[in-house]
């Protein structure tokens, strides 16, 4: 497990006074502000955020020391991290999604490694795992639910799949012609 956990990402500049739009990866969007000083991935720069409001599901924040739109635009794409030891302790069998990244993916019938988790996303309809299967070039997206994932073992960094492909339901035929 990495010592840093990504809590959000700067996605756009806002206005002319250096504000930015921030996509928060915390359970409640404003929780990203609870951790105090955040850093970039290589910890070469620190960021102190001041909440200004919400805008279309994103946080609008001012970063201390960022006072112009040009300064704000230079930060677009920057991911904001906190050290893991600043995060709350978790209950047993609870984990952070970041802990799934690079986990080995196992087939639940053979328990053989068939790929790796390369991303975890939520586009609004539930969490999705992006998986790079060993036998194909492109990645696949699968729902992160009990129908598709039969086991998660954070200690051994494995995710066991019950289903390896999306189960699409057939559209109902319309009788209007």
N, C-alpha and C. Protein backbone atom coordinates (compact mmCIF):
# COMPACT_ATOMS: atom_id res chain seq x y z
N UNK A 1 0.83 -1.19 0.00
CA UNK A 1 0.00 0.00 0.00
C UNK A 1 0.87 1.24 0.00
N UNK A 2 0.42 2.21 -0.73
CA UNK A 2 1.17 3.46 -0.84
C UNK A 2 0.92 4.33 0.40
N UNK A 3 1.89 5.18 0.71
CA UNK A 3 1.75 6.09 1.84
C UNK A 3 0.84 7.27 1.53
N UNK A 4 0.58 7.53 0.24
CA UNK A 4 -0.26 8.65 -0.15
C UNK A 4 -1.58 8.15 -0.72
N UNK A 5 -2.64 8.91 -0.44
CA UNK A 5 -3.97 8.59 -0.96
C UNK A 5 -4.50 9.83 -1.67
N UNK A 6 -4.96 9.65 -2.90
CA UNK A 6 -5.49 10.75 -3.69
C UNK A 6 -6.90 11.09 -3.20
N UNK A 7 -7.10 12.36 -2.81
CA UNK A 7 -8.39 12.81 -2.31
C UNK A 7 -9.16 13.65 -3.31
N UNK A 8 -8.50 14.12 -4.36
CA UNK A 8 -9.20 14.96 -5.32
C UNK A 8 -8.31 15.36 -6.47
N UNK A 9 -8.94 16.03 -7.44
CA UNK A 9 -8.21 16.46 -8.62
C UNK A 9 -8.73 17.82 -9.07
N UNK A 10 -7.80 18.70 -9.39
CA UNK A 10 -8.16 20.02 -9.92
C UNK A 10 -8.53 19.83 -11.38
N UNK A 11 -9.78 20.21 -11.73
CA UNK A 11 -10.27 19.93 -13.08
C UNK A 11 -10.40 21.17 -13.96
N UNK A 12 -10.42 22.37 -13.35
CA UNK A 12 -10.55 23.59 -14.15
C UNK A 12 -10.26 24.81 -13.30
N UNK A 13 -9.92 25.89 -13.97
CA UNK A 13 -9.80 27.19 -13.31
C UNK A 13 -11.21 27.79 -13.25
N UNK A 14 -11.43 28.70 -12.30
CA UNK A 14 -12.73 29.36 -12.18
C UNK A 14 -12.50 30.84 -11.91
N UNK A 15 -12.99 31.68 -12.79
CA UNK A 15 -12.87 33.12 -12.60
C UNK A 15 -11.47 33.62 -12.85
N UNK A 16 -11.23 34.86 -12.40
CA UNK A 16 -9.94 35.51 -12.68
C UNK A 16 -9.05 35.66 -11.44
N UNK A 17 -9.55 35.24 -10.28
CA UNK A 17 -8.81 35.45 -9.03
C UNK A 17 -8.13 34.19 -8.50
N UNK A 18 -7.94 33.18 -9.36
CA UNK A 18 -7.17 32.02 -8.96
C UNK A 18 -7.95 30.87 -8.37
N UNK A 19 -9.28 30.95 -8.37
CA UNK A 19 -10.06 29.83 -7.86
C UNK A 19 -10.00 28.66 -8.84
N UNK A 20 -10.21 27.45 -8.30
CA UNK A 20 -10.23 26.24 -9.13
C UNK A 20 -11.46 25.42 -8.81
N UNK A 21 -11.83 24.57 -9.78
CA UNK A 21 -12.88 23.58 -9.57
C UNK A 21 -12.18 22.28 -9.21
N UNK A 22 -12.64 21.67 -8.14
CA UNK A 22 -12.00 20.48 -7.59
C UNK A 22 -12.99 19.33 -7.55
N UNK A 23 -12.62 18.21 -8.15
CA UNK A 23 -13.41 16.98 -8.04
C UNK A 23 -12.88 16.23 -6.82
N UNK A 24 -13.76 16.08 -5.84
CA UNK A 24 -13.38 15.40 -4.60
C UNK A 24 -13.65 13.91 -4.73
N UNK A 25 -12.73 13.09 -4.21
CA UNK A 25 -12.89 11.65 -4.21
C UNK A 25 -13.27 11.12 -2.83
N UNK A 26 -13.61 12.02 -1.91
CA UNK A 26 -14.01 11.60 -0.58
C UNK A 26 -15.51 11.29 -0.57
N UNK A 27 -15.97 10.55 0.44
CA UNK A 27 -17.38 10.13 0.52
C UNK A 27 -18.32 11.34 0.43
N UNK A 28 -18.06 12.35 1.22
CA UNK A 28 -18.78 13.63 1.11
C UNK A 28 -17.78 14.62 0.52
N UNK A 29 -18.19 15.33 -0.50
CA UNK A 29 -17.26 16.19 -1.26
C UNK A 29 -16.43 17.12 -0.37
N UNK A 30 -17.06 17.76 0.60
CA UNK A 30 -16.33 18.73 1.44
C UNK A 30 -15.34 18.08 2.40
N UNK A 31 -15.41 16.76 2.57
CA UNK A 31 -14.47 16.09 3.48
C UNK A 31 -13.02 16.26 3.04
N UNK A 32 -12.78 16.53 1.77
CA UNK A 32 -11.41 16.74 1.29
C UNK A 32 -10.76 17.91 2.04
N UNK A 33 -11.56 18.84 2.54
CA UNK A 33 -11.05 20.01 3.24
C UNK A 33 -10.63 19.70 4.69
N UNK A 34 -11.06 18.57 5.21
CA UNK A 34 -10.78 18.22 6.61
C UNK A 34 -9.33 17.82 6.88
N UNK A 35 -8.59 17.53 5.83
CA UNK A 35 -7.25 16.96 6.02
C UNK A 35 -6.14 18.00 6.04
N UNK A 36 -6.51 19.27 5.96
CA UNK A 36 -5.51 20.32 6.02
C UNK A 36 -4.69 20.39 4.75
N UNK A 37 -3.40 20.54 4.91
CA UNK A 37 -2.49 20.70 3.78
C UNK A 37 -2.44 19.42 2.95
N UNK A 38 -2.65 19.56 1.64
CA UNK A 38 -2.55 18.44 0.71
C UNK A 38 -1.32 18.65 -0.16
N UNK A 39 -0.88 17.59 -0.84
CA UNK A 39 0.31 17.71 -1.69
C UNK A 39 0.03 17.13 -3.07
N UNK A 40 0.96 17.40 -3.99
CA UNK A 40 0.91 16.71 -5.27
C UNK A 40 1.51 15.32 -5.07
N UNK A 41 1.49 14.50 -6.12
CA UNK A 41 1.87 13.09 -5.98
C UNK A 41 3.30 12.89 -5.51
N UNK A 42 4.23 13.73 -5.97
CA UNK A 42 5.63 13.54 -5.56
C UNK A 42 6.00 14.40 -4.34
N UNK A 43 4.99 15.02 -3.75
CA UNK A 43 5.14 15.83 -2.54
C UNK A 43 6.13 16.98 -2.68
N UNK A 44 6.24 17.50 -3.90
CA UNK A 44 7.12 18.66 -4.13
C UNK A 44 6.38 19.98 -3.92
N UNK A 45 5.06 19.91 -3.81
CA UNK A 45 4.27 21.12 -3.64
C UNK A 45 3.10 20.85 -2.70
N UNK A 46 2.82 21.80 -1.80
CA UNK A 46 1.71 21.66 -0.86
C UNK A 46 0.63 22.67 -1.19
N UNK A 47 -0.61 22.31 -0.86
CA UNK A 47 -1.76 23.13 -1.20
C UNK A 47 -2.67 23.28 0.02
N UNK A 48 -2.99 24.52 0.36
CA UNK A 48 -3.95 24.80 1.42
C UNK A 48 -5.21 25.32 0.75
N UNK A 49 -6.31 24.59 0.94
CA UNK A 49 -7.56 24.89 0.25
C UNK A 49 -8.51 25.70 1.13
N UNK A 50 -9.19 26.66 0.51
CA UNK A 50 -10.22 27.43 1.19
C UNK A 50 -11.50 27.25 0.38
N UNK A 51 -12.54 26.73 1.03
CA UNK A 51 -13.82 26.46 0.37
C UNK A 51 -14.52 27.76 0.00
N UNK A 52 -15.00 27.82 -1.25
CA UNK A 52 -15.73 29.00 -1.73
C UNK A 52 -17.16 28.66 -2.10
N UNK A 53 -17.43 27.41 -2.45
CA UNK A 53 -18.80 27.01 -2.81
C UNK A 53 -18.80 25.77 -3.67
N UNK A 54 -19.99 25.45 -4.17
CA UNK A 54 -20.16 24.32 -5.08
C UNK A 54 -20.53 24.85 -6.45
N UNK A 55 -20.14 24.12 -7.48
CA UNK A 55 -20.48 24.50 -8.84
C UNK A 55 -20.64 23.24 -9.67
N UNK A 56 -21.87 22.91 -10.01
CA UNK A 56 -22.18 21.74 -10.84
C UNK A 56 -21.54 20.46 -10.31
N UNK A 57 -21.71 20.21 -9.02
CA UNK A 57 -21.20 18.99 -8.41
C UNK A 57 -19.73 18.99 -8.06
N UNK A 58 -19.05 20.09 -8.32
CA UNK A 58 -17.63 20.22 -7.99
C UNK A 58 -17.46 21.23 -6.87
N UNK A 59 -16.36 21.12 -6.15
CA UNK A 59 -16.02 22.14 -5.15
C UNK A 59 -15.37 23.32 -5.86
N UNK A 60 -15.68 24.50 -5.41
CA UNK A 60 -14.99 25.70 -5.89
C UNK A 60 -14.11 26.13 -4.72
N UNK A 61 -12.79 26.11 -4.93
CA UNK A 61 -11.86 26.42 -3.85
C UNK A 61 -10.80 27.43 -4.30
N UNK A 62 -10.28 28.12 -3.32
CA UNK A 62 -9.13 29.00 -3.51
C UNK A 62 -7.95 28.27 -2.89
N UNK A 63 -6.85 28.26 -3.58
CA UNK A 63 -5.62 27.67 -3.05
C UNK A 63 -4.74 28.84 -2.62
N UNK A 64 -4.33 28.81 -1.35
CA UNK A 64 -3.50 29.91 -0.86
C UNK A 64 -2.25 30.05 -1.71
N UNK A 65 -1.98 31.28 -2.15
CA UNK A 65 -0.82 31.55 -2.99
C UNK A 65 -1.12 31.50 -4.48
N UNK A 66 -2.32 31.07 -4.84
CA UNK A 66 -2.75 31.04 -6.25
C UNK A 66 -3.75 32.18 -6.42
N UNK A 67 -3.31 33.26 -7.08
CA UNK A 67 -4.12 34.47 -7.11
C UNK A 67 -4.57 34.91 -8.50
N UNK A 68 -4.13 34.22 -9.54
CA UNK A 68 -4.52 34.61 -10.89
C UNK A 68 -5.08 33.40 -11.64
N UNK A 69 -5.82 33.69 -12.69
CA UNK A 69 -6.36 32.61 -13.52
C UNK A 69 -5.22 31.79 -14.14
N UNK A 70 -4.16 32.46 -14.58
CA UNK A 70 -3.02 31.74 -15.17
C UNK A 70 -2.41 30.76 -14.17
N UNK A 71 -2.27 31.19 -12.91
CA UNK A 71 -1.76 30.29 -11.87
C UNK A 71 -2.69 29.10 -11.69
N UNK A 72 -3.99 29.38 -11.66
CA UNK A 72 -4.98 28.31 -11.48
C UNK A 72 -4.96 27.35 -12.67
N UNK A 73 -4.88 27.88 -13.88
CA UNK A 73 -4.87 27.02 -15.07
C UNK A 73 -3.64 26.12 -15.10
N UNK A 74 -2.53 26.59 -14.54
CA UNK A 74 -1.32 25.75 -14.52
C UNK A 74 -1.46 24.54 -13.61
N UNK A 75 -2.47 24.55 -12.74
CA UNK A 75 -2.69 23.43 -11.81
C UNK A 75 -3.72 22.42 -12.31
N UNK A 76 -4.40 22.73 -13.41
CA UNK A 76 -5.42 21.81 -13.91
C UNK A 76 -4.79 20.44 -14.18
N UNK A 77 -5.45 19.42 -13.68
CA UNK A 77 -4.94 18.05 -13.81
C UNK A 77 -4.16 17.58 -12.59
N UNK A 78 -3.84 18.49 -11.68
CA UNK A 78 -3.08 18.13 -10.48
C UNK A 78 -3.95 17.32 -9.53
N UNK A 79 -3.46 16.16 -9.13
CA UNK A 79 -4.14 15.36 -8.12
C UNK A 79 -3.62 15.77 -6.75
N UNK A 80 -4.53 15.79 -5.78
CA UNK A 80 -4.19 16.21 -4.42
C UNK A 80 -4.20 15.02 -3.49
N UNK A 81 -3.10 14.88 -2.74
CA UNK A 81 -2.87 13.70 -1.90
C UNK A 81 -2.72 14.08 -0.44
N UNK A 82 -2.98 13.08 0.40
CA UNK A 82 -2.74 13.19 1.83
C UNK A 82 -2.02 11.91 2.26
N UNK A 83 -1.24 12.00 3.31
CA UNK A 83 -0.57 10.80 3.83
C UNK A 83 -1.61 9.89 4.46
N UNK A 84 -1.46 8.60 4.23
CA UNK A 84 -2.42 7.60 4.71
C UNK A 84 -2.64 7.68 6.22
N UNK A 85 -1.60 8.02 6.97
CA UNK A 85 -1.75 8.05 8.43
C UNK A 85 -2.66 9.18 8.92
N UNK A 86 -3.05 10.11 8.04
CA UNK A 86 -3.99 11.16 8.40
C UNK A 86 -5.44 10.73 8.19
N UNK A 87 -5.64 9.60 7.52
CA UNK A 87 -6.99 9.10 7.25
C UNK A 87 -7.55 8.39 8.47
N UNK A 88 -8.87 8.35 8.60
CA UNK A 88 -9.47 7.65 9.74
C UNK A 88 -9.15 6.15 9.70
N UNK A 89 -9.07 5.54 10.88
CA UNK A 89 -8.91 4.09 10.96
C UNK A 89 -10.15 3.43 10.39
N UNK A 90 -9.94 2.31 9.71
CA UNK A 90 -11.05 1.59 9.10
C UNK A 90 -11.44 0.37 9.91
N UNK A 91 -12.70 -0.01 9.79
CA UNK A 91 -13.17 -1.24 10.41
C UNK A 91 -12.63 -2.42 9.60
N UNK A 92 -12.69 -3.60 10.19
CA UNK A 92 -12.24 -4.80 9.50
C UNK A 92 -13.09 -5.01 8.24
N UNK A 93 -12.48 -5.49 7.18
CA UNK A 93 -13.12 -5.74 5.89
C UNK A 93 -13.61 -4.46 5.20
N UNK A 94 -13.07 -3.31 5.60
CA UNK A 94 -13.34 -2.05 4.93
C UNK A 94 -12.00 -1.54 4.41
N UNK A 95 -12.01 -0.93 3.22
CA UNK A 95 -10.76 -0.50 2.62
C UNK A 95 -11.00 0.75 1.78
N UNK A 96 -9.93 1.39 1.42
CA UNK A 96 -9.99 2.53 0.51
C UNK A 96 -9.88 2.01 -0.92
N UNK A 97 -10.63 2.62 -1.83
CA UNK A 97 -10.61 2.17 -3.22
C UNK A 97 -9.21 2.20 -3.80
N UNK A 98 -8.39 3.12 -3.37
CA UNK A 98 -7.03 3.20 -3.89
C UNK A 98 -6.24 1.91 -3.61
N UNK A 99 -6.65 1.17 -2.57
CA UNK A 99 -5.96 -0.08 -2.24
C UNK A 99 -6.22 -1.18 -3.26
N UNK A 100 -7.23 -0.98 -4.11
CA UNK A 100 -7.53 -1.96 -5.15
C UNK A 100 -6.63 -1.81 -6.37
N UNK A 101 -6.08 -0.62 -6.56
CA UNK A 101 -5.25 -0.37 -7.73
C UNK A 101 -4.03 -1.28 -7.71
N UNK A 102 -3.79 -1.93 -8.83
CA UNK A 102 -2.70 -2.89 -9.04
C UNK A 102 -2.92 -4.22 -8.31
N UNK A 103 -4.14 -4.44 -7.79
CA UNK A 103 -4.44 -5.74 -7.18
C UNK A 103 -4.51 -6.79 -8.28
N UNK A 104 -4.03 -7.98 -8.00
CA UNK A 104 -4.17 -9.09 -8.93
C UNK A 104 -5.63 -9.50 -9.01
N UNK A 105 -6.09 -9.78 -10.23
CA UNK A 105 -7.45 -10.25 -10.45
C UNK A 105 -7.39 -11.76 -10.64
N UNK A 106 -8.20 -12.47 -9.87
CA UNK A 106 -8.22 -13.93 -9.91
C UNK A 106 -9.56 -14.43 -10.45
N UNK A 107 -9.51 -15.57 -11.14
CA UNK A 107 -10.72 -16.26 -11.58
C UNK A 107 -11.25 -17.04 -10.38
N UNK A 108 -12.54 -16.93 -10.07
CA UNK A 108 -13.05 -17.59 -8.87
C UNK A 108 -13.14 -19.11 -8.97
N UNK A 109 -13.09 -19.64 -10.18
CA UNK A 109 -13.14 -21.10 -10.34
C UNK A 109 -11.75 -21.73 -10.20
N UNK A 110 -10.75 -21.09 -10.81
CA UNK A 110 -9.39 -21.67 -10.80
C UNK A 110 -8.45 -21.01 -9.80
N UNK A 111 -8.83 -19.82 -9.34
CA UNK A 111 -8.00 -18.97 -8.47
C UNK A 111 -6.66 -18.61 -9.13
N UNK A 112 -6.63 -18.68 -10.47
CA UNK A 112 -5.45 -18.27 -11.23
C UNK A 112 -5.53 -16.78 -11.51
N UNK A 113 -4.37 -16.13 -11.57
CA UNK A 113 -4.31 -14.70 -11.91
C UNK A 113 -4.69 -14.53 -13.38
N UNK A 114 -5.63 -13.61 -13.61
CA UNK A 114 -6.07 -13.35 -14.99
C UNK A 114 -5.92 -11.89 -15.38
N UNK A 115 -5.46 -11.04 -14.46
CA UNK A 115 -5.30 -9.64 -14.78
C UNK A 115 -4.96 -8.80 -13.57
N UNK A 116 -5.09 -7.47 -13.74
CA UNK A 116 -4.82 -6.50 -12.67
C UNK A 116 -5.88 -5.41 -12.70
N UNK A 117 -6.22 -4.89 -11.53
CA UNK A 117 -7.10 -3.72 -11.43
C UNK A 117 -6.24 -2.49 -11.75
N UNK A 118 -6.68 -1.68 -12.71
CA UNK A 118 -5.92 -0.49 -13.06
C UNK A 118 -6.65 0.81 -12.70
N UNK A 119 -7.94 0.68 -12.31
CA UNK A 119 -8.67 1.88 -11.93
C UNK A 119 -9.98 1.53 -11.24
N UNK A 120 -10.48 2.48 -10.45
CA UNK A 120 -11.78 2.36 -9.81
C UNK A 120 -12.50 3.68 -10.07
N UNK A 121 -13.71 3.60 -10.60
CA UNK A 121 -14.45 4.80 -10.99
C UNK A 121 -15.88 4.72 -10.53
N UNK A 122 -16.52 5.88 -10.47
CA UNK A 122 -17.96 5.94 -10.25
C UNK A 122 -18.49 7.05 -11.14
N UNK A 123 -19.26 6.65 -12.14
CA UNK A 123 -19.83 7.60 -13.09
C UNK A 123 -21.26 7.96 -12.72
N UNK A 124 -21.71 7.55 -11.54
CA UNK A 124 -23.03 7.90 -11.06
C UNK A 124 -23.95 6.72 -10.84
N UNK A 125 -23.65 5.58 -11.40
CA UNK A 125 -24.53 4.41 -11.26
C UNK A 125 -23.88 3.31 -10.43
N UNK A 126 -22.84 3.61 -9.72
CA UNK A 126 -22.15 2.61 -8.90
C UNK A 126 -20.69 2.50 -9.27
N UNK A 127 -19.92 1.90 -8.40
CA UNK A 127 -18.48 1.76 -8.62
C UNK A 127 -18.19 0.76 -9.73
N UNK A 128 -17.18 1.08 -10.52
CA UNK A 128 -16.73 0.23 -11.63
C UNK A 128 -15.24 -0.04 -11.46
N UNK A 129 -14.83 -1.26 -11.77
CA UNK A 129 -13.41 -1.62 -11.78
C UNK A 129 -12.94 -1.62 -13.22
N UNK A 130 -11.80 -0.98 -13.47
CA UNK A 130 -11.15 -1.08 -14.77
C UNK A 130 -10.08 -2.15 -14.63
N UNK A 131 -10.19 -3.18 -15.46
CA UNK A 131 -9.32 -4.34 -15.34
C UNK A 131 -8.55 -4.54 -16.63
N UNK A 132 -7.24 -4.75 -16.49
CA UNK A 132 -6.39 -5.13 -17.62
C UNK A 132 -6.21 -6.63 -17.53
N UNK A 133 -6.97 -7.36 -18.39
CA UNK A 133 -6.84 -8.81 -18.42
C UNK A 133 -5.55 -9.18 -19.12
N UNK A 134 -4.91 -10.26 -18.67
CA UNK A 134 -3.62 -10.69 -19.21
C UNK A 134 -3.70 -11.08 -20.69
N UNK A 135 -4.86 -11.57 -21.14
CA UNK A 135 -4.95 -12.10 -22.50
C UNK A 135 -5.53 -11.15 -23.54
N UNK A 136 -5.79 -9.89 -23.18
CA UNK A 136 -6.32 -8.92 -24.15
C UNK A 136 -5.56 -7.60 -24.02
N UNK A 137 -5.55 -6.82 -25.12
CA UNK A 137 -4.80 -5.56 -25.12
C UNK A 137 -5.54 -4.45 -24.37
N UNK A 138 -6.84 -4.32 -24.60
CA UNK A 138 -7.57 -3.21 -24.00
C UNK A 138 -8.05 -3.58 -22.59
N UNK A 139 -8.42 -2.57 -21.84
CA UNK A 139 -8.96 -2.81 -20.50
C UNK A 139 -10.47 -3.02 -20.59
N UNK A 140 -11.03 -3.60 -19.56
CA UNK A 140 -12.47 -3.85 -19.47
C UNK A 140 -13.00 -3.19 -18.21
N UNK A 141 -14.24 -2.72 -18.27
CA UNK A 141 -14.90 -2.14 -17.10
C UNK A 141 -15.96 -3.12 -16.61
N UNK A 142 -15.92 -3.41 -15.31
CA UNK A 142 -16.91 -4.30 -14.71
C UNK A 142 -17.47 -3.65 -13.45
N UNK A 143 -18.76 -3.86 -13.18
CA UNK A 143 -19.34 -3.32 -11.95
C UNK A 143 -18.65 -3.92 -10.72
N UNK A 144 -18.45 -3.10 -9.73
CA UNK A 144 -17.86 -3.55 -8.48
C UNK A 144 -19.00 -3.88 -7.52
N UNK A 145 -19.59 -5.06 -7.74
CA UNK A 145 -20.68 -5.52 -6.89
C UNK A 145 -20.58 -7.03 -6.72
N UNK A 146 -21.46 -7.59 -5.90
CA UNK A 146 -21.40 -9.01 -5.57
C UNK A 146 -21.64 -9.93 -6.76
N UNK A 147 -22.33 -9.45 -7.79
CA UNK A 147 -22.57 -10.29 -8.97
C UNK A 147 -21.29 -10.53 -9.74
N UNK A 148 -20.38 -9.57 -9.72
CA UNK A 148 -19.15 -9.66 -10.51
C UNK A 148 -17.92 -9.97 -9.66
N UNK A 149 -17.89 -9.46 -8.44
CA UNK A 149 -16.72 -9.63 -7.56
C UNK A 149 -17.12 -10.53 -6.40
N UNK A 150 -16.49 -11.70 -6.32
CA UNK A 150 -16.84 -12.64 -5.25
C UNK A 150 -16.00 -12.45 -3.99
N UNK A 151 -14.81 -11.82 -4.12
CA UNK A 151 -13.97 -11.65 -2.94
C UNK A 151 -12.96 -10.53 -3.17
N UNK A 152 -12.69 -9.79 -2.12
CA UNK A 152 -11.61 -8.80 -2.11
C UNK A 152 -10.74 -9.12 -0.91
N UNK A 153 -9.45 -9.33 -1.15
CA UNK A 153 -8.50 -9.63 -0.09
C UNK A 153 -7.43 -8.54 -0.13
N UNK A 154 -7.62 -7.52 0.68
CA UNK A 154 -6.71 -6.37 0.68
C UNK A 154 -5.33 -6.77 1.17
N UNK A 155 -5.28 -7.64 2.17
CA UNK A 155 -3.98 -8.05 2.72
C UNK A 155 -3.11 -8.71 1.65
N UNK A 156 -3.70 -9.57 0.83
CA UNK A 156 -2.97 -10.23 -0.25
C UNK A 156 -3.09 -9.51 -1.58
N UNK A 157 -3.79 -8.38 -1.57
CA UNK A 157 -3.98 -7.52 -2.75
C UNK A 157 -4.52 -8.32 -3.94
N UNK A 158 -5.68 -8.98 -3.71
CA UNK A 158 -6.35 -9.72 -4.78
C UNK A 158 -7.83 -9.38 -4.83
N UNK A 159 -8.36 -9.44 -6.04
CA UNK A 159 -9.79 -9.29 -6.30
C UNK A 159 -10.19 -10.52 -7.09
N UNK A 160 -11.18 -11.26 -6.60
CA UNK A 160 -11.62 -12.47 -7.27
C UNK A 160 -12.93 -12.20 -7.99
N UNK A 161 -12.96 -12.53 -9.30
CA UNK A 161 -14.13 -12.26 -10.12
C UNK A 161 -15.01 -13.48 -10.26
N UNK A 162 -16.32 -13.29 -10.08
CA UNK A 162 -17.30 -14.32 -10.35
C UNK A 162 -17.70 -14.29 -11.83
N UNK A 163 -17.67 -13.10 -12.43
CA UNK A 163 -17.98 -12.94 -13.85
C UNK A 163 -16.93 -12.05 -14.48
N UNK A 164 -16.46 -12.42 -15.67
CA UNK A 164 -15.37 -11.68 -16.33
C UNK A 164 -15.84 -10.78 -17.47
N UNK A 165 -17.12 -10.84 -17.78
CA UNK A 165 -17.67 -9.97 -18.84
C UNK A 165 -18.97 -9.37 -18.36
N UNK A 166 -19.33 -8.24 -18.97
CA UNK A 166 -20.59 -7.58 -18.62
C UNK A 166 -21.76 -8.45 -19.02
N UNK A 167 -22.75 -8.52 -18.18
CA UNK A 167 -23.97 -9.27 -18.45
C UNK A 167 -25.03 -8.28 -18.91
N UNK A 168 -25.15 -8.11 -20.22
CA UNK A 168 -26.10 -7.16 -20.77
C UNK A 168 -27.47 -7.79 -20.91
N UNK A 169 -28.50 -7.00 -20.58
CA UNK A 169 -29.86 -7.50 -20.77
C UNK A 169 -30.35 -7.05 -22.13
N UNK A 170 -31.09 -7.90 -22.78
CA UNK A 170 -31.63 -7.61 -24.09
C UNK A 170 -32.70 -6.54 -23.97
N UNK A 171 -32.67 -5.56 -24.89
CA UNK A 171 -33.70 -4.53 -24.93
C UNK A 171 -35.04 -5.15 -25.29
N UNK A 172 -36.10 -4.60 -24.68
CA UNK A 172 -37.43 -5.09 -25.04
C UNK A 172 -37.78 -4.53 -26.41
N UNK A 173 -38.39 -5.36 -27.22
CA UNK A 173 -38.81 -4.94 -28.56
C UNK A 173 -40.04 -4.05 -28.42
N UNK A 174 -40.05 -2.98 -29.17
CA UNK A 174 -41.18 -2.08 -29.17
C UNK A 174 -42.22 -2.59 -30.17
N UNK A 175 -43.50 -2.56 -29.75
CA UNK A 175 -44.58 -3.01 -30.64
C UNK A 175 -45.09 -1.87 -31.52
N UNK A 176 -44.56 -0.66 -31.28
CA UNK A 176 -44.95 0.49 -32.11
C UNK A 176 -44.16 0.45 -33.41
N UNK A 177 -44.87 0.41 -34.53
CA UNK A 177 -44.18 0.38 -35.80
C UNK A 177 -44.81 1.30 -36.79
